[in-house]
Every structure is written in C-alpha cells, then in structure tokens.
Amino acid sequence: MPSTLEKPRTATVTIKLDASYRDRLKSLAITKKRTSHYLVKEAIERYLKAEEAQQAILQSVDDSVALFEATGLHITLDEFIGWTEAVKLDRNAQLPVCHT
C-alpha cells in the first residue's frame, strides 16, 4: 500500500517556445514572484480544467439528444421562457414537466 506521504509521479515534458513567449513568461514570472515553471504548470492546469468542462458539456448535450430521440420527451421554448421568468422571482422554481 503506498504511503500517503509519497509524492505524485511526475514526468518531464519539453516544449519549444518562441523567444517572445519565453520573454513574456519570464517577465510575468518576475512580476508575480513565481517561477516560469510554476506559471506554465498553472496554465496547463487551467487549460485542462476548461477543456474537460467543455467535453463534459458536449457529452451532456449528446446524452440529451439521444434521450430525446429515444423518448420524444421535451419542453417547448415558451415553457422554457416561462421557467426563466419564474426563476427571476424564485430561484427554486421547478422546470416544467417534460412531455411528448
């Protein structure tokens, strides 16, 4: 069983940056009192989170379309607009019931 004090496994990745990117990264690192390495890791983490969130949304859309195609259940645009108006007055307003 691994120790809880073990460091996560890491791997070295090499990327080639234009000189202008390196200069900007170095300047920002100095301004933020961080290392360029830290800023690159932070940027990659933010990018991965954003892309994974986008993929999750796209998967949800695909799942919704498949469910609609299988069941025909839906709400109309007018029902949706009515719900958005209700949410303005009551954040807990219930979505309309789906129908065929």
Protein backbone atom coordinates (compact mmCIF):
# COMPACT_ATOMS: atom_id res chain seq x y z
CA MET A 1 0.00 0.00 0.00
CA PRO A 2 1.51 3.38 -0.97
CA SER A 3 2.33 5.85 1.74
CA THR A 4 0.20 8.98 1.95
CA LEU A 5 3.44 10.95 2.08
CA GLU A 6 4.60 9.79 -1.35
CA LYS A 7 4.98 12.48 -3.96
CA PRO A 8 2.81 12.15 -7.06
CA ARG A 9 4.62 10.73 -10.07
CA THR A 10 5.86 13.36 -12.46
CA ALA A 11 7.33 13.32 -15.93
CA THR A 12 9.43 15.84 -17.77
CA VAL A 13 7.86 17.41 -20.84
CA THR A 14 9.83 19.58 -23.22
CA ILE A 15 8.14 22.32 -25.21
CA LYS A 16 9.63 24.75 -27.67
CA LEU A 17 8.55 28.35 -27.22
CA ASP A 18 9.21 31.32 -29.44
CA ALA A 19 11.63 33.78 -27.86
CA SER A 20 8.82 36.30 -27.43
CA TYR A 21 6.80 33.79 -25.38
CA ARG A 22 9.81 32.95 -23.23
CA ASP A 23 10.49 36.65 -22.64
CA ARG A 24 6.88 37.34 -21.74
CA LEU A 25 6.78 34.31 -19.44
CA LYS A 26 9.98 35.37 -17.72
CA SER A 27 8.69 38.92 -17.27
CA LEU A 28 5.40 37.72 -15.83
CA ALA A 29 7.18 35.31 -13.51
CA ILE A 30 9.28 38.16 -12.15
CA THR A 31 6.21 40.37 -11.71
CA LYS A 32 4.26 37.64 -9.92
CA LYS A 33 7.31 36.49 -7.93
CA ARG A 34 6.86 32.96 -9.25
CA THR A 35 8.96 30.73 -11.43
CA SER A 36 8.29 30.27 -15.13
CA HIS A 37 7.86 26.58 -14.35
CA TYR A 38 5.08 27.37 -11.87
CA LEU A 39 3.28 29.62 -14.36
CA VAL A 40 3.44 27.02 -17.13
CA LYS A 41 2.08 24.30 -14.82
CA GLU A 42 -0.70 26.65 -13.69
CA ALA A 43 -1.59 27.49 -17.30
CA ILE A 44 -1.73 23.81 -18.25
CA GLU A 45 -3.92 23.00 -15.23
CA ARG A 46 -6.35 25.79 -16.13
CA TYR A 47 -6.43 24.69 -19.77
CA LEU A 48 -7.09 21.06 -18.85
CA LYS A 49 -9.91 22.00 -16.46
CA ALA A 50 -11.54 24.24 -19.09
CA GLU A 51 -11.26 21.61 -21.83
CA GLU A 52 -12.53 18.82 -19.56
CA ALA A 53 -15.50 21.00 -18.56
CA GLN A 54 -16.25 21.69 -22.22
CA GLN A 55 -16.07 17.98 -23.04
CA ALA A 56 -18.44 17.22 -20.16
CA ILE A 57 -20.92 19.78 -21.51
CA LEU A 58 -20.69 18.34 -25.00
CA GLN A 59 -21.23 14.83 -23.63
CA SER A 60 -24.27 16.08 -21.72
CA VAL A 61 -25.66 17.58 -24.93
CA ASP A 62 -25.09 14.32 -26.80
CA ASP A 63 -26.79 12.39 -23.98
CA SER A 64 -29.75 14.79 -24.02
CA VAL A 65 -30.18 14.48 -27.78
CA ALA A 66 -30.04 10.68 -27.53
CA LEU A 67 -32.65 10.72 -24.75
CA PHE A 68 -34.92 13.00 -26.79
CA GLU A 69 -34.56 10.80 -29.87
CA ALA A 70 -35.35 7.69 -27.82
CA THR A 71 -38.30 9.09 -25.86
CA GLY A 72 -39.51 12.26 -27.57
CA LEU A 73 -39.67 13.96 -24.16
CA HIS A 74 -39.17 17.72 -24.31
CA ILE A 75 -40.37 21.14 -23.16
CA THR A 76 -41.33 23.92 -25.55
CA LEU A 77 -39.49 27.22 -25.92
CA ASP A 78 -42.47 29.02 -24.38
CA GLU A 79 -42.34 26.69 -21.37
CA PHE A 80 -38.62 27.32 -21.03
CA ILE A 81 -39.06 31.10 -21.25
CA GLY A 82 -41.81 30.91 -18.63
CA TRP A 83 -39.48 28.97 -16.36
CA THR A 84 -36.68 31.53 -16.77
CA GLU A 85 -39.12 34.28 -15.83
CA ALA A 86 -40.19 32.27 -12.77
CA VAL A 87 -36.56 31.75 -11.74
CA LYS A 88 -36.11 35.53 -11.64
CA LEU A 89 -38.74 35.63 -8.89
CA ASP A 90 -37.89 32.33 -7.20
CA ARG A 91 -34.51 30.67 -7.66
CA ASN A 92 -36.08 27.34 -6.72
CA ALA A 93 -38.73 27.45 -9.43
CA GLN A 94 -39.27 23.99 -10.86
CA LEU A 95 -38.64 23.19 -14.50
CA PRO A 96 -41.75 22.33 -16.48
CA VAL A 97 -42.53 18.62 -16.76
CA CYS A 98 -41.25 17.05 -19.96
CA HIS A 99 -43.86 15.74 -22.37
CA THR A 100 -44.08 14.14 -25.81
